């Protein structure tokens, strides 16, 4: 099962956007690290609603998009960072 097959093509561009925004948030240290995924979810809800309109489907898409961005970041981080 491919996670990206559940995300609409129009909303797929938001995955790298959220990854970049997450990196910016982390670098500026405006928000504690534990709240970055939640803030990305809120940003995803806003951006997806702007792109797709206010609907239940847009809300589900925003959760999938934020989850994919956070999961992708963690997968990359945990496979490339040396264990101590």
Protein backbone atom coordinates (compact mmCIF):
# COMPACT_ATOMS: atom_id res chain seq x y z
CA UNK A 1 0.00 0.00 0.00
CA UNK A 2 1.43 3.33 -1.08
CA UNK A 3 0.69 6.29 1.21
CA UNK A 4 1.07 8.79 -1.62
CA UNK A 5 -1.76 7.15 -3.55
CA UNK A 6 -4.18 8.48 -0.93
CA UNK A 7 -3.06 12.09 -1.38
CA UNK A 8 -4.66 14.11 -4.15
CA UNK A 9 -2.26 15.24 -6.87
CA UNK A 10 -3.20 18.88 -6.34
CA UNK A 11 -2.22 18.72 -2.68
CA UNK A 12 1.00 16.73 -3.13
CA UNK A 13 3.03 19.93 -3.53
CA UNK A 14 2.32 20.76 0.11
CA UNK A 15 4.49 17.89 1.40
CA UNK A 16 7.83 19.54 0.51
CA UNK A 17 6.40 22.93 1.49
CA UNK A 18 5.67 21.63 4.99
CA UNK A 19 9.10 20.02 5.19
CA UNK A 20 10.75 23.36 4.41
CA UNK A 21 8.49 25.22 6.83
CA UNK A 22 9.29 22.66 9.53
CA UNK A 23 13.00 23.20 8.97
CA UNK A 24 12.53 26.98 9.19
CA UNK A 25 10.51 26.68 12.39
CA UNK A 26 13.18 24.43 13.90
CA UNK A 27 16.03 26.78 12.92
CA UNK A 28 14.31 29.87 14.34
CA UNK A 29 13.45 28.06 17.59
CA UNK A 30 10.18 30.00 17.88
CA UNK A 31 8.30 26.83 18.78
CA UNK A 32 9.57 23.98 20.97
CA UNK A 33 10.52 20.86 18.96
CA UNK A 34 7.68 18.79 20.40
CA UNK A 35 5.11 21.22 18.96
CA UNK A 36 6.52 21.36 15.43
CA UNK A 37 4.39 18.44 14.10
CA UNK A 38 1.25 20.04 15.57
CA UNK A 39 2.11 23.41 14.04
CA UNK A 40 2.72 21.72 10.67
CA UNK A 41 -0.70 20.08 10.95
CA UNK A 42 -2.33 23.47 11.55
CA UNK A 43 -0.44 25.01 8.63
CA UNK A 44 -1.45 22.03 6.49
CA UNK A 45 -5.12 22.48 7.41
CA UNK A 46 -4.96 26.15 6.43
CA UNK A 47 -3.11 25.60 3.15
CA UNK A 48 -5.22 22.62 2.12
CA UNK A 49 -8.43 24.52 2.87
CA UNK A 50 -7.21 27.38 0.68
CA UNK A 51 -6.35 24.99 -2.15
CA UNK A 52 -9.28 22.57 -1.96
CA UNK A 53 -11.92 24.54 -0.07
CA UNK A 54 -13.45 23.86 3.31
CA UNK A 55 -14.57 20.25 3.29
CA UNK A 56 -14.11 17.02 5.17
CA UNK A 57 -12.03 15.67 2.29
CA UNK A 58 -9.68 18.67 2.50
CA UNK A 59 -9.33 18.08 6.25
CA UNK A 60 -8.40 14.42 5.69
CA UNK A 61 -5.95 15.46 2.97
CA UNK A 62 -4.31 17.94 5.34
CA UNK A 63 -3.77 15.19 7.93
CA UNK A 64 -2.26 12.89 5.30
CA UNK A 65 -0.02 15.68 3.99
CA UNK A 66 1.26 16.66 7.42
CA UNK A 67 1.77 13.01 8.34
CA UNK A 68 3.73 12.37 5.16
CA UNK A 69 5.94 15.42 5.72
CA UNK A 70 6.71 14.53 9.34
CA UNK A 71 7.14 10.82 8.58
CA UNK A 72 9.41 11.58 5.63
CA UNK A 73 11.56 13.87 7.75
CA UNK A 74 11.84 11.37 10.58
CA UNK A 75 12.59 8.50 8.20
CA UNK A 76 15.39 10.51 6.59
CA UNK A 77 16.73 11.71 9.93
CA UNK A 78 16.75 8.32 11.60
CA UNK A 79 18.33 6.50 8.68
CA UNK A 80 21.11 9.04 8.09
CA UNK A 81 22.02 10.09 11.63
CA UNK A 82 24.74 8.00 13.24
CA UNK A 83 23.68 6.15 16.38
CA UNK A 84 25.68 6.80 19.52
